[in-house]
Amino acid sequence: NFVSGNPSHRYLEDEGFSAADLTPVHAEPGDLVLWHVDTIHGSETNRS
């Protein structure tokens, strides 16, 4: 669900991962990203 502020990393930890395992997806307008139904993902706030 949408959250206010940066999301908790608790779920990552429950799954045996950490913030160090997160990879940001860089994309330009028009780029398409595809992923699997079981790929863990999320996003943080816009600080720019």
ModelCIF file with pLDDT and N, C-alpha, C, O atoms, coordinates in Angstrom:
data_MODEL
#
_entry.id   MODEL 
#
_entity.id                         1 
_entity.type                       polymer 
_entity.pdbx_number_of_molecules   1 
#
_entity_poly.entity_id                      1 
_entity_poly.type                           'polypeptide(L)' 
_entity_poly.nstd_linkage                   no 
_entity_poly.nstd_monomer                   no 
_entity_poly.pdbx_seq_one_letter_code       NFVSGNPSHRYLEDEGFSAADLTPVHAEPGDLVLWHVDTIHGSETNRS 
_entity_poly.pdbx_seq_one_letter_code_can   NFVSGNPSHRYLEDEGFSAADLTPVHAEPGDLVLWHVDTIHGSETNRS 
_entity_poly.pdbx_strand_id                 A 
#
loop_
_entity_poly_seq.entity_id 
_entity_poly_seq.num 
_entity_poly_seq.mon_id 
_entity_poly_seq.hetero 
1 1  ASN n 
1 2  PHE n 
1 3  VAL n 
1 4  SER n 
1 5  GLY n 
1 6  ASN n 
1 7  PRO n 
1 8  SER n 
1 9  HIS n 
1 10 ARG n 
1 11 TYR n 
1 12 LEU n 
1 13 GLU n 
1 14 ASP n 
1 15 GLU n 
1 16 GLY n 
1 17 PHE n 
1 18 SER n 
1 19 ALA n 
1 20 ALA n 
1 21 ASP n 
1 22 LEU n 
1 23 THR n 
1 24 PRO n 
1 25 VAL n 
1 26 HIS n 
1 27 ALA n 
1 28 GLU n 
1 29 PRO n 
1 30 GLY n 
1 31 ASP n 
1 32 LEU n 
1 33 VAL n 
1 34 LEU n 
1 35 TRP n 
1 36 HIS n 
1 37 VAL n 
1 38 ASP n 
1 39 THR n 
1 40 ILE n 
1 41 HIS n 
1 42 GLY n 
1 43 SER n 
1 44 GLU n 
1 45 THR n 
1 46 ASN n 
1 47 ARG n 
1 48 SER n 
#
_struct_asym.id          A 
_struct_asym.entity_id   1 
#
loop_
_ma_qa_metric.id 
_ma_qa_metric.mode 
_ma_qa_metric.name 
_ma_qa_metric.software_group_id 
_ma_qa_metric.type 
1 global pLDDT . pLDDT 
2 local  pLDDT . pLDDT 
#
_ma_qa_metric_global.metric_id      1 
_ma_qa_metric_global.metric_value   92.40 
_ma_qa_metric_global.model_id       1 
_ma_qa_metric_global.ordinal_id     1 
#
loop_
_ma_qa_metric_local.label_asym_id 
_ma_qa_metric_local.label_comp_id 
_ma_qa_metric_local.label_seq_id 
_ma_qa_metric_local.metric_id 
_ma_qa_metric_local.metric_value 
_ma_qa_metric_local.model_id 
_ma_qa_metric_local.ordinal_id 
A ASN 1  2 76.00 1 1  
A PHE 2  2 76.00 1 2  
A VAL 3  2 83.00 1 3  
A SER 4  2 82.00 1 4  
A GLY 5  2 80.00 1 5  
A ASN 6  2 85.00 1 6  
A PRO 7  2 87.00 1 7  
A SER 8  2 88.00 1 8  
A HIS 9  2 89.00 1 9  
A ARG 10 2 89.00 1 10 
A TYR 11 2 89.00 1 11 
A LEU 12 2 92.00 1 12 
A GLU 13 2 91.00 1 13 
A ASP 14 2 90.00 1 14 
A GLU 15 2 92.00 1 15 
A GLY 16 2 92.00 1 16 
A PHE 17 2 94.00 1 17 
A SER 18 2 94.00 1 18 
A ALA 19 2 94.00 1 19 
A ALA 20 2 96.00 1 20 
A ASP 21 2 97.00 1 21 
A LEU 22 2 97.00 1 22 
A THR 23 2 97.00 1 23 
A PRO 24 2 96.00 1 24 
A VAL 25 2 96.00 1 25 
A HIS 26 2 96.00 1 26 
A ALA 27 2 97.00 1 27 
A GLU 28 2 97.00 1 28 
A PRO 29 2 98.00 1 29 
A GLY 30 2 97.00 1 30 
A ASP 31 2 98.00 1 31 
A LEU 32 2 97.00 1 32 
A VAL 33 2 97.00 1 33 
A LEU 34 2 97.00 1 34 
A TRP 35 2 97.00 1 35 
A HIS 36 2 95.00 1 36 
A VAL 37 2 93.00 1 37 
A ASP 38 2 93.00 1 38 
A THR 39 2 95.00 1 39 
A ILE 40 2 95.00 1 40 
A HIS 41 2 95.00 1 41 
A GLY 42 2 94.00 1 42 
A SER 43 2 94.00 1 43 
A GLU 44 2 93.00 1 44 
A THR 45 2 93.00 1 45 
A ASN 46 2 94.00 1 46 
A ARG 47 2 93.00 1 47 
A SER 48 2 95.00 1 48 
#
loop_
_atom_site.group_PDB 
_atom_site.id 
_atom_site.type_symbol 
_atom_site.label_atom_id 
_atom_site.label_alt_id 
_atom_site.label_comp_id 
_atom_site.label_asym_id 
_atom_site.label_entity_id 
_atom_site.label_seq_id 
_atom_site.pdbx_PDB_ins_code 
_atom_site.Cartn_x 
_atom_site.Cartn_y 
_atom_site.Cartn_z 
_atom_site.occupancy 
_atom_site.B_iso_or_equiv 
_atom_site.pdbx_formal_charge 
_atom_site.auth_seq_id 
_atom_site.auth_comp_id 
_atom_site.auth_asym_id 
_atom_site.auth_atom_id 
_atom_site.pdbx_PDB_model_num 
ATOM 1   N N  . ASN A 1 1  ? 0.827  -1.197  0.000   1.00 76.00 ? 1  ASN A N  1 
ATOM 2   C CA . ASN A 1 1  ? 0.000  0.000   0.000   1.00 76.00 ? 1  ASN A CA 1 
ATOM 3   C C  . ASN A 1 1  ? 0.866  1.253   0.000   1.00 76.00 ? 1  ASN A C  1 
ATOM 4   O O  . ASN A 1 1  ? 2.042  1.213   0.360   1.00 76.00 ? 1  ASN A O  1 
ATOM 5   N N  . PHE A 1 2  ? 0.268  2.357   -0.408  1.00 76.00 ? 2  PHE A N  1 
ATOM 6   C CA . PHE A 1 2  ? 0.971  3.627   -0.413  1.00 76.00 ? 2  PHE A CA 1 
ATOM 7   C C  . PHE A 1 2  ? 1.226  4.041   1.032   1.00 76.00 ? 2  PHE A C  1 
ATOM 8   O O  . PHE A 1 2  ? 0.365  3.887   1.898   1.00 76.00 ? 2  PHE A O  1 
ATOM 9   N N  . VAL A 1 3  ? 2.405  4.560   1.274   1.00 83.00 ? 3  VAL A N  1 
ATOM 10  C CA . VAL A 1 3  ? 2.771  4.945   2.637   1.00 83.00 ? 3  VAL A CA 1 
ATOM 11  C C  . VAL A 1 3  ? 3.209  6.397   2.642   1.00 83.00 ? 3  VAL A C  1 
ATOM 12  O O  . VAL A 1 3  ? 3.579  6.955   1.609   1.00 83.00 ? 3  VAL A O  1 
ATOM 13  N N  . SER A 1 4  ? 3.162  6.999   3.823   1.00 82.00 ? 4  SER A N  1 
ATOM 14  C CA . SER A 1 4  ? 3.634  8.360   3.996   1.00 82.00 ? 4  SER A CA 1 
ATOM 15  C C  . SER A 1 4  ? 5.055  8.281   4.520   1.00 82.00 ? 4  SER A C  1 
ATOM 16  O O  . SER A 1 4  ? 5.305  7.680   5.565   1.00 82.00 ? 4  SER A O  1 
ATOM 17  N N  . GLY A 1 5  ? 5.973  8.878   3.805   1.00 80.00 ? 5  GLY A N  1 
ATOM 18  C CA . GLY A 1 5  ? 7.372  8.779   4.186   1.00 80.00 ? 5  GLY A CA 1 
ATOM 19  C C  . GLY A 1 5  ? 7.982  7.504   3.631   1.00 80.00 ? 5  GLY A C  1 
ATOM 20  O O  . GLY A 1 5  ? 7.286  6.702   3.008   1.00 80.00 ? 5  GLY A O  1 
ATOM 21  N N  . ASN A 1 6  ? 9.258  7.313   3.848   1.00 85.00 ? 6  ASN A N  1 
ATOM 22  C CA . ASN A 1 6  ? 9.936  6.141   3.307   1.00 85.00 ? 6  ASN A CA 1 
ATOM 23  C C  . ASN A 1 6  ? 9.425  4.863   3.951   1.00 85.00 ? 6  ASN A C  1 
ATOM 24  O O  . ASN A 1 6  ? 9.222  4.818   5.164   1.00 85.00 ? 6  ASN A O  1 
ATOM 25  N N  . PRO A 1 7  ? 9.213  3.813   3.143   1.00 87.00 ? 7  PRO A N  1 
ATOM 26  C CA . PRO A 1 7  ? 8.643  2.570   3.677   1.00 87.00 ? 7  PRO A CA 1 
ATOM 27  C C  . PRO A 1 7  ? 9.618  1.829   4.583   1.00 87.00 ? 7  PRO A C  1 
ATOM 28  O O  . PRO A 1 7  ? 10.836 1.951   4.458   1.00 87.00 ? 7  PRO A O  1 
ATOM 29  N N  . SER A 1 8  ? 9.052  1.074   5.480   1.00 88.00 ? 8  SER A N  1 
ATOM 30  C CA . SER A 1 8  ? 9.850  0.260   6.394   1.00 88.00 ? 8  SER A CA 1 
ATOM 31  C C  . SER A 1 8  ? 10.572 -0.852  5.639   1.00 88.00 ? 8  SER A C  1 
ATOM 32  O O  . SER A 1 8  ? 10.076 -1.376  4.641   1.00 88.00 ? 8  SER A O  1 
ATOM 33  N N  . HIS A 1 9  ? 11.763 -1.199  6.144   1.00 89.00 ? 9  HIS A N  1 
ATOM 34  C CA . HIS A 1 9  ? 12.521 -2.308  5.565   1.00 89.00 ? 9  HIS A CA 1 
ATOM 35  C C  . HIS A 1 9  ? 12.235 -3.621  6.290   1.00 89.00 ? 9  HIS A C  1 
ATOM 36  O O  . HIS A 1 9  ? 12.906 -4.626  6.052   1.00 89.00 ? 9  HIS A O  1 
ATOM 37  N N  . ARG A 1 10 ? 11.245 -3.610  7.167   1.00 89.00 ? 10 ARG A N  1 
ATOM 38  C CA . ARG A 1 10 ? 10.937 -4.805  7.954   1.00 89.00 ? 10 ARG A CA 1 
ATOM 39  C C  . ARG A 1 10 ? 10.597 -6.002  7.070   1.00 89.00 ? 10 ARG A C  1 
ATOM 40  O O  . ARG A 1 10 ? 11.029 -7.122  7.343   1.00 89.00 ? 10 ARG A O  1 
ATOM 41  N N  . TYR A 1 11 ? 9.822  -5.765  6.013   1.00 89.00 ? 11 TYR A N  1 
ATOM 42  C CA . TYR A 1 11 ? 9.460  -6.874  5.131   1.00 89.00 ? 11 TYR A CA 1 
ATOM 43  C C  . TYR A 1 11 ? 10.707 -7.473  4.477   1.00 89.00 ? 11 TYR A C  1 
ATOM 44  O O  . TYR A 1 11 ? 10.831 -8.693  4.364   1.00 89.00 ? 11 TYR A O  1 
ATOM 45  N N  . LEU A 1 12 ? 11.615 -6.619  4.054   1.00 92.00 ? 12 LEU A N  1 
ATOM 46  C CA . LEU A 1 12 ? 12.868 -7.112  3.474   1.00 92.00 ? 12 LEU A CA 1 
ATOM 47  C C  . LEU A 1 12 ? 13.582 -8.036  4.450   1.00 92.00 ? 12 LEU A C  1 
ATOM 48  O O  . LEU A 1 12 ? 14.055 -9.110  4.080   1.00 92.00 ? 12 LEU A O  1 
ATOM 49  N N  . GLU A 1 13 ? 13.651 -7.600  5.697   1.00 91.00 ? 13 GLU A N  1 
ATOM 50  C CA . GLU A 1 13 ? 14.332 -8.391  6.725   1.00 91.00 ? 13 GLU A CA 1 
ATOM 51  C C  . GLU A 1 13 ? 13.615 -9.713  6.968   1.00 91.00 ? 13 GLU A C  1 
ATOM 52  O O  . GLU A 1 13 ? 14.259 -10.748 7.141   1.00 91.00 ? 13 GLU A O  1 
ATOM 53  N N  . ASP A 1 14 ? 12.290 -9.681  6.981   1.00 90.00 ? 14 ASP A N  1 
ATOM 54  C CA . ASP A 1 14 ? 11.509 -10.911 7.173   1.00 90.00 ? 14 ASP A CA 1 
ATOM 55  C C  . ASP A 1 14 ? 11.782 -11.913 6.053   1.00 90.00 ? 14 ASP A C  1 
ATOM 56  O O  . ASP A 1 14 ? 11.692 -13.123 6.257   1.00 90.00 ? 14 ASP A O  1 
ATOM 57  N N  . GLU A 1 15 ? 12.116 -11.397 4.865   1.00 92.00 ? 15 GLU A N  1 
ATOM 58  C CA . GLU A 1 15 ? 12.378 -12.257 3.710   1.00 92.00 ? 15 GLU A CA 1 
ATOM 59  C C  . GLU A 1 15 ? 13.857 -12.624 3.569   1.00 92.00 ? 15 GLU A C  1 
ATOM 60  O O  . GLU A 1 15 ? 14.247 -13.297 2.614   1.00 92.00 ? 15 GLU A O  1 
ATOM 61  N N  . GLY A 1 16 ? 14.675 -12.178 4.524   1.00 92.00 ? 16 GLY A N  1 
ATOM 62  C CA . GLY A 1 16 ? 16.098 -12.518 4.484   1.00 92.00 ? 16 GLY A CA 1 
ATOM 63  C C  . GLY A 1 16 ? 16.936 -11.578 3.636   1.00 92.00 ? 16 GLY A C  1 
ATOM 64  O O  . GLY A 1 16 ? 18.038 -11.932 3.217   1.00 92.00 ? 16 GLY A O  1 
ATOM 65  N N  . PHE A 1 17 ? 16.418 -10.374 3.379   1.00 94.00 ? 17 PHE A N  1 
ATOM 66  C CA . PHE A 1 17 ? 17.150 -9.381  2.607   1.00 94.00 ? 17 PHE A CA 1 
ATOM 67  C C  . PHE A 1 17 ? 17.387 -8.144  3.469   1.00 94.00 ? 17 PHE A C  1 
ATOM 68  O O  . PHE A 1 17 ? 16.902 -8.053  4.596   1.00 94.00 ? 17 PHE A O  1 
ATOM 69  N N  . SER A 1 18 ? 18.140 -7.197  2.920   1.00 94.00 ? 18 SER A N  1 
ATOM 70  C CA . SER A 1 18 ? 18.382 -5.937  3.616   1.00 94.00 ? 18 SER A CA 1 
ATOM 71  C C  . SER A 1 18 ? 18.385 -4.810  2.595   1.00 94.00 ? 18 SER A C  1 
ATOM 72  O O  . SER A 1 18 ? 18.250 -5.045  1.394   1.00 94.00 ? 18 SER A O  1 
ATOM 73  N N  . ALA A 1 19 ? 18.541 -3.572  3.086   1.00 94.00 ? 19 ALA A N  1 
ATOM 74  C CA . ALA A 1 19 ? 18.585 -2.420  2.190   1.00 94.00 ? 19 ALA A CA 1 
ATOM 75  C C  . ALA A 1 19 ? 19.734 -2.543  1.186   1.00 94.00 ? 19 ALA A C  1 
ATOM 76  O O  . ALA A 1 19 ? 19.654 -2.003  0.082   1.00 94.00 ? 19 ALA A O  1 
ATOM 77  N N  . ALA A 1 20 ? 20.788 -3.243  1.561   1.00 96.00 ? 20 ALA A N  1 
ATOM 78  C CA . ALA A 1 20 ? 21.934 -3.420  0.664   1.00 96.00 ? 20 ALA A CA 1 
ATOM 79  C C  . ALA A 1 20 ? 21.578 -4.251  -0.566  1.00 96.00 ? 20 ALA A C  1 
ATOM 80  O O  . ALA A 1 20 ? 22.279 -4.194  -1.576  1.00 96.00 ? 20 ALA A O  1 
ATOM 81  N N  . ASP A 1 21 ? 20.495 -5.019  -0.487  1.00 97.00 ? 21 ASP A N  1 
ATOM 82  C CA . ASP A 1 21 ? 20.071 -5.850  -1.621  1.00 97.00 ? 21 ASP A CA 1 
ATOM 83  C C  . ASP A 1 21 ? 19.205 -5.093  -2.622  1.00 97.00 ? 21 ASP A C  1 
ATOM 84  O O  . ASP A 1 21 ? 18.935 -5.597  -3.712  1.00 97.00 ? 21 ASP A O  1 
ATOM 85  N N  . LEU A 1 22 ? 18.770 -3.892  -2.263  1.00 97.00 ? 22 LEU A N  1 
ATOM 86  C CA . LEU A 1 22 ? 17.907 -3.111  -3.145  1.00 97.00 ? 22 LEU A CA 1 
ATOM 87  C C  . LEU A 1 22 ? 18.709 -2.501  -4.298  1.00 97.00 ? 22 LEU A C  1 
ATOM 88  O O  . LEU A 1 22 ? 19.798 -1.964  -4.093  1.00 97.00 ? 22 LEU A O  1 
ATOM 89  N N  . THR A 1 23 ? 18.162 -2.590  -5.496  1.00 97.00 ? 23 THR A N  1 
ATOM 90  C CA . THR A 1 23 ? 18.774 -1.989  -6.683  1.00 97.00 ? 23 THR A CA 1 
ATOM 91  C C  . THR A 1 23 ? 17.802 -0.963  -7.258  1.00 97.00 ? 23 THR A C  1 
ATOM 92  O O  . THR A 1 23 ? 16.670 -1.312  -7.593  1.00 97.00 ? 23 THR A O  1 
ATOM 93  N N  . PRO A 1 24 ? 18.228 0.308   -7.379  1.00 96.00 ? 24 PRO A N  1 
ATOM 94  C CA . PRO A 1 24 ? 17.342 1.300   -8.000  1.00 96.00 ? 24 PRO A CA 1 
ATOM 95  C C  . PRO A 1 24 ? 17.270 1.078   -9.501  1.00 96.00 ? 24 PRO A C  1 
ATOM 96  O O  . PRO A 1 24 ? 18.272 0.752   -10.137 1.00 96.00 ? 24 PRO A O  1 
ATOM 97  N N  . VAL A 1 25 ? 16.081 1.255   -10.063 1.00 96.00 ? 25 VAL A N  1 
ATOM 98  C CA . VAL A 1 25 ? 15.889 1.111   -11.502 1.00 96.00 ? 25 VAL A CA 1 
ATOM 99  C C  . VAL A 1 25 ? 16.004 2.490   -12.132 1.00 96.00 ? 25 VAL A C  1 
ATOM 100 O O  . VAL A 1 25 ? 15.170 3.362   -11.890 1.00 96.00 ? 25 VAL A O  1 
ATOM 101 N N  . HIS A 1 26 ? 17.033 2.684   -12.935 1.00 96.00 ? 26 HIS A N  1 
ATOM 102 C CA . HIS A 1 26 ? 17.208 3.942   -13.661 1.00 96.00 ? 26 HIS A CA 1 
ATOM 103 C C  . HIS A 1 26 ? 16.455 3.822   -14.988 1.00 96.00 ? 26 HIS A C  1 
ATOM 104 O O  . HIS A 1 26 ? 16.564 2.806   -15.675 1.00 96.00 ? 26 HIS A O  1 
ATOM 105 N N  . ALA A 1 27 ? 15.699 4.851   -15.343 1.00 97.00 ? 27 ALA A N  1 
ATOM 106 C CA . ALA A 1 27 ? 14.938 4.793   -16.600 1.00 97.00 ? 27 ALA A CA 1 
ATOM 107 C C  . ALA A 1 27 ? 14.767 6.190   -17.174 1.00 97.00 ? 27 ALA A C  1 
ATOM 108 O O  . ALA A 1 27 ? 14.664 7.178   -16.447 1.00 97.00 ? 27 ALA A O  1 
ATOM 109 N N  . GLU A 1 28 ? 14.740 6.241   -18.493 1.00 97.00 ? 28 GLU A N  1 
ATOM 110 C CA . GLU A 1 28 ? 14.458 7.484   -19.216 1.00 97.00 ? 28 GLU A CA 1 
ATOM 111 C C  . GLU A 1 28 ? 13.021 7.430   -19.733 1.00 97.00 ? 28 GLU A C  1 
ATOM 112 O O  . GLU A 1 28 ? 12.457 6.344   -19.860 1.00 97.00 ? 28 GLU A O  1 
ATOM 113 N N  . PRO A 1 29 ? 12.414 8.597   -20.037 1.00 98.00 ? 29 PRO A N  1 
ATOM 114 C CA . PRO A 1 29 ? 11.047 8.584   -20.560 1.00 98.00 ? 29 PRO A CA 1 
ATOM 115 C C  . PRO A 1 29 ? 10.904 7.623   -21.743 1.00 98.00 ? 29 PRO A C  1 
ATOM 116 O O  . PRO A 1 29 ? 11.688 7.657   -22.692 1.00 98.00 ? 29 PRO A O  1 
ATOM 117 N N  . GLY A 1 30 ? 9.884  6.769   -21.661 1.00 97.00 ? 30 GLY A N  1 
ATOM 118 C CA . GLY A 1 30 ? 9.641  5.780   -22.709 1.00 97.00 ? 30 GLY A CA 1 
ATOM 119 C C  . GLY A 1 30 ? 10.234 4.421   -22.416 1.00 97.00 ? 30 GLY A C  1 
ATOM 120 O O  . GLY A 1 30 ? 9.850  3.434   -23.043 1.00 97.00 ? 30 GLY A O  1 
ATOM 121 N N  . ASP A 1 31 ? 11.173 4.346   -21.468 1.00 98.00 ? 31 ASP A N  1 
ATOM 122 C CA . ASP A 1 31 ? 11.739 3.043   -21.093 1.00 98.00 ? 31 ASP A CA 1 
ATOM 123 C C  . ASP A 1 31 ? 10.677 2.191   -20.424 1.00 98.00 ? 31 ASP A C  1 
ATOM 124 O O  . ASP A 1 31 ? 9.818  2.700   -19.703 1.00 98.00 ? 31 ASP A O  1 
ATOM 125 N N  . LEU A 1 32 ? 10.743 0.884   -20.671 1.00 97.00 ? 32 LEU A N  1 
ATOM 126 C CA . LEU A 1 32 ? 9.787  -0.057  -20.096 1.00 97.00 ? 32 LEU A CA 1 
ATOM 127 C C  . LEU A 1 32 ? 10.515 -1.042  -19.188 1.00 97.00 ? 32 LEU A C  1 
ATOM 128 O O  . LEU A 1 32 ? 11.550 -1.597  -19.555 1.00 97.00 ? 32 LEU A O  1 
ATOM 129 N N  . VAL A 1 33 ? 9.962  -1.248  -18.005 1.00 97.00 ? 33 VAL A N  1 
ATOM 130 C CA . VAL A 1 33 ? 10.514 -2.193  -17.036 1.00 97.00 ? 33 VAL A CA 1 
ATOM 131 C C  . VAL A 1 33 ? 9.499  -3.325  -16.875 1.00 97.00 ? 33 VAL A C  1 
ATOM 132 O O  . VAL A 1 33 ? 8.304  -3.063  -16.745 1.00 97.00 ? 33 VAL A O  1 
ATOM 133 N N  . LEU A 1 34 ? 9.955  -4.574  -16.880 1.00 97.00 ? 34 LEU A N  1 
ATOM 134 C CA . LEU A 1 34 ? 9.074  -5.723  -16.651 1.00 97.00 ? 34 LEU A CA 1 
ATOM 135 C C  . LEU A 1 34 ? 9.608  -6.497  -15.464 1.00 97.00 ? 34 LEU A C  1 
ATOM 136 O O  . LEU A 1 34 ? 10.821 -6.601  -15.282 1.00 97.00 ? 34 LEU A O  1 
ATOM 137 N N  . TRP A 1 35 ? 8.694  -7.050  -14.640 1.00 97.00 ? 35 TRP A N  1 
ATOM 138 C CA . TRP A 1 35 ? 9.149  -7.886  -13.536 1.00 97.00 ? 35 TRP A CA 1 
ATOM 139 C C  . TRP A 1 35 ? 8.150  -8.976  -13.200 1.00 97.00 ? 35 TRP A C  1 
ATOM 140 O O  . TRP A 1 35 ? 6.984  -8.932  -13.593 1.00 97.00 ? 35 TRP A O  1 
ATOM 141 N N  . HIS A 1 36 ? 8.647  -9.952  -12.461 1.00 95.00 ? 36 HIS A N  1 
ATOM 142 C CA . HIS A 1 36 ? 7.920  -11.158 -12.073 1.00 95.00 ? 36 HIS A CA 1 
ATOM 143 C C  . HIS A 1 36 ? 7.004  -10.859 -10.892 1.00 95.00 ? 36 HIS A C  1 
ATOM 144 O O  . HIS A 1 36 ? 7.275  -9.952  -10.104 1.00 95.00 ? 36 HIS A O  1 
ATOM 145 N N  . VAL A 1 37 ? 5.930  -11.615 -10.772 1.00 93.00 ? 37 VAL A N  1 
ATOM 146 C CA . VAL A 1 37 ? 4.954  -11.424 -9.705  1.00 93.00 ? 37 VAL A CA 1 
ATOM 147 C C  . VAL A 1 37 ? 5.564  -11.584 -8.314  1.00 93.00 ? 37 VAL A C  1 
ATOM 148 O O  . VAL A 1 37 ? 5.023  -11.053 -7.345  1.00 93.00 ? 37 VAL A O  1 
ATOM 149 N N  . ASP A 1 38 ? 6.685  -12.308 -8.196  1.00 93.00 ? 38 ASP A N  1 
ATOM 150 C CA . ASP A 1 38 ? 7.312  -12.528 -6.891  1.00 93.00 ? 38 ASP A CA 1 
ATOM 151 C C  . ASP A 1 38 ? 8.572  -11.699 -6.674  1.00 93.00 ? 38 ASP A C  1 
ATOM 152 O O  . ASP A 1 38 ? 9.285  -11.919 -5.695  1.00 93.00 ? 38 ASP A O  1 
ATOM 153 N N  . THR A 1 39 ? 8.861  -10.758 -7.558  1.00 95.00 ? 39 THR A N  1 
ATOM 154 C CA . THR A 1 39 ? 10.003 -9.868  -7.348  1.00 95.00 ? 39 THR A CA 1 
ATOM 155 C C  . THR A 1 39 ? 9.653  -8.840  -6.275  1.00 95.00 ? 39 THR A C  1 
ATOM 156 O O  . THR A 1 39 ? 8.655  -8.130  -6.400  1.00 95.00 ? 39 THR A O  1 
ATOM 157 N N  . ILE A 1 40 ? 10.458 -8.758  -5.235  1.00 95.00 ? 40 ILE A N  1 
ATOM 158 C CA . ILE A 1 40 ? 10.214 -7.771  -4.175  1.00 95.00 ? 40 ILE A CA 1 
ATOM 159 C C  . ILE A 1 40 ? 10.601 -6.391  -4.700  1.00 95.00 ? 40 ILE A C  1 
ATOM 160 O O  . ILE A 1 40 ? 11.687 -6.201  -5.246  1.00 95.00 ? 40 ILE A O  1 
ATOM 161 N N  . HIS A 1 41 ? 9.699  -5.442  -4.525  1.00 95.00 ? 41 HIS A N  1 
ATOM 162 C CA . HIS A 1 41 ? 9.949  -4.091  -4.988  1.00 95.00 ? 41 HIS A CA 1 
ATOM 163 C C  . HIS A 1 41 ? 9.137  -3.088  -4.187  1.00 95.00 ? 41 HIS A C  1 
ATOM 164 O O  . HIS A 1 41 ? 8.238  -3.466  -3.435  1.00 95.00 ? 41 HIS A O  1 
ATOM 165 N N  . GLY A 1 42 ? 9.447  -1.830  -4.345  1.00 94.00 ? 42 GLY A N  1 
ATOM 166 C CA . GLY A 1 42 ? 8.756  -0.731  -3.685  1.00 94.00 ? 42 GLY A CA 1 
ATOM 167 C C  . GLY A 1 42 ? 9.426  0.554   -4.141  1.00 94.00 ? 42 GLY A C  1 
ATOM 168 O O  . GLY A 1 42 ? 10.198 0.548   -5.100  1.00 94.00 ? 42 GLY A O  1 
ATOM 169 N N  . SER A 1 43 ? 9.137  1.647   -3.467  1.00 94.00 ? 43 SER A N  1 
ATOM 170 C CA . SER A 1 43 ? 9.804  2.904   -3.822  1.00 94.00 ? 43 SER A CA 1 
ATOM 171 C C  . SER A 1 43 ? 9.749  3.852   -2.637  1.00 94.00 ? 43 SER A C  1 
ATOM 172 O O  . SER A 1 43 ? 8.876  3.758   -1.774  1.00 94.00 ? 43 SER A O  1 
ATOM 173 N N  . GLU A 1 44 ? 10.706 4.767   -2.622  1.00 93.00 ? 44 GLU A N  1 
ATOM 174 C CA . GLU A 1 44 ? 10.782 5.741   -1.535  1.00 93.00 ? 44 GLU A CA 1 
ATOM 175 C C  . GLU A 1 44 ? 10.292 7.092   -2.028  1.00 93.00 ? 44 GLU A C  1 
ATOM 176 O O  . GLU A 1 44 ? 9.803  7.200   -3.153  1.00 93.00 ? 44 GLU A O  1 
ATOM 177 N N  . THR A 1 45 ? 10.415 8.111   -1.210  1.00 93.00 ? 45 THR A N  1 
ATOM 178 C CA . THR A 1 45 ? 9.864  9.423   -1.546  1.00 93.00 ? 45 THR A CA 1 
ATOM 179 C C  . THR A 1 45 ? 10.725 10.140  -2.585  1.00 93.00 ? 45 THR A C  1 
ATOM 180 O O  . THR A 1 45 ? 11.865 9.763   -2.854  1.00 93.00 ? 45 THR A O  1 
ATOM 181 N N  . ASN A 1 46 ? 10.136 11.181  -3.152  1.00 94.00 ? 46 ASN A N  1 
ATOM 182 C CA . ASN A 1 46 ? 10.833 12.017  -4.133  1.00 94.00 ? 46 ASN A CA 1 
ATOM 183 C C  . ASN A 1 46 ? 11.569 13.133  -3.385  1.00 94.00 ? 46 ASN A C  1 
ATOM 184 O O  . ASN A 1 46 ? 10.952 14.070  -2.878  1.00 94.00 ? 46 ASN A O  1 
ATOM 185 N N  . ARG A 1 47 ? 12.899 13.013  -3.326  1.00 93.00 ? 47 ARG A N  1 
ATOM 186 C CA . ARG A 1 47 ? 13.715 14.008  -2.628  1.00 93.00 ? 47 ARG A CA 1 
ATOM 187 C C  . ARG A 1 47 ? 14.320 15.027  -3.592  1.00 93.00 ? 47 ARG A C  1 
ATOM 188 O O  . ARG A 1 47 ? 15.121 15.869  -3.185  1.00 93.00 ? 47 ARG A O  1 
ATOM 189 N N  . SER A 1 48 ? 13.944 14.953  -4.858  1.00 95.00 ? 48 SER A N  1 
ATOM 190 C CA . SER A 1 48 ? 14.534 15.819  -5.879  1.00 95.00 ? 48 SER A CA 1 
ATOM 191 C C  . SER A 1 48 ? 13.619 17.011  -6.170  1.00 95.00 ? 48 SER A C  1 
ATOM 192 O O  . SER A 1 48 ? 13.949 17.853  -7.005  1.00 95.00 ? 48 SER A O  1 
#
